Amino acid sequence: MRAVYADSINPDNPLAGLVVGERPEPQAAEGWATVRVMASALNHHDLWSLRGVGLSAEQLPMILGCDAAGVDEDGNEVVVHAVVGDPAAGDGDETLDPKRSLLSERHQGTLADLVTVPRRNLVPKPEGMTWTDAACLPTAWLTAYRMLTTRGRLRDGGSVLVQGAGGGVATAAIVLAGALGARVYATSRDAAKRENAAGLGATVLAPGARLPERVDVVIETVGEATFDHSVKSTKPGGRIVVSGSTSGHLATVDLRRIFFLQQEVVGSTMGTRDELAALLELMAARKIAPVVDTVFDFADARGAFERLAAGAGFGKIVLDHQG
């Protein structure tokens, strides 16, 4: 079958280990299902894997990819949940399972004609949702949804600051926060990305700029470069929800502000299968479409990775598997 996989690890030049070629078809274990992938989406997780973060040379070759939508063996149209928990852990919050992994870490990923996953990880695709849109949701959009709702406890009529507009999670957070009834502010160093964020309904500012108000929730994926601004922009009792640190993970924090204003710094990672189902329901009910940067034919997967690595996109980069 066709697949996009890591054949070697290169921390300095991740695309050097990327191969678009043939891999054996997977065999589903007991309790697992096989999905014929119709569309998949790229994430920065794929580039980190090619750099050897969370993936060792002993695990290669590894098919990349966390996001997919397709058809299972029974003909059901499904969206694949990427978090694989320990079966012995039961039906709790799989994001808190210390033995959890994402597809393409211990198990082969979604950038292939076929992928096998635990049957529980299949979520029905809403009728009428396109394959492209459905493939965008299981990682970045699910992460943003959990940050805003479960972890951020965003109330209707609340306010949100999204740091670093342009990334997959940040873009999703802008759209979802607006759909949830919030006033949304967004920052970016890039003027074009600020303009795109404004088009999604956000009030845009340069990094570090003073907001018109302190916010209930900050969506923080940038880390070191923006964290002080995030703390200063959060109202008393507000929450800074962190799911990434692309600019560095050693942020300096004025603890006096944290305790005096009773702010919360909250970690968040991916989301649960039930949260993915709730996200799909929200998207379908509100007719919300994810922000798609570019759709590439599967054969041009390398071009898709080059665009991801260049950081030029705004929204999700998708692979169409049907060609």
Foldseek 3Di string as FASTA:
>chain_A
DWFWWFAAAALVDLLVRIDTDDDDDDDADPQKWKWQFQKAFDACVQSVVSNVDLADNVQPRAGDGQFTWGAIPVGFTWTFAFKDADVVVPPDWRVPHPPIDGDRRNHHHDRGRMGMDRPLRTAGFDPPDDRFQSRLCNAQLQQLLCQVPVVQVPAAAFEEEEEAAQHANSQNNLLVCVLSRYAYEYEHCDPVSQVVSVVSPHHYDYQPDADPAQGQEYEDAQAAVRVAVNLVRHAQQHEYEYEHHVNDHDHDDDVVSCVVSVYYYHYTHGGGSVSSNVSSVSCVVVVPGFDEFEEAESVVVSVLVVCVVVSPTGHIYMYRDPD
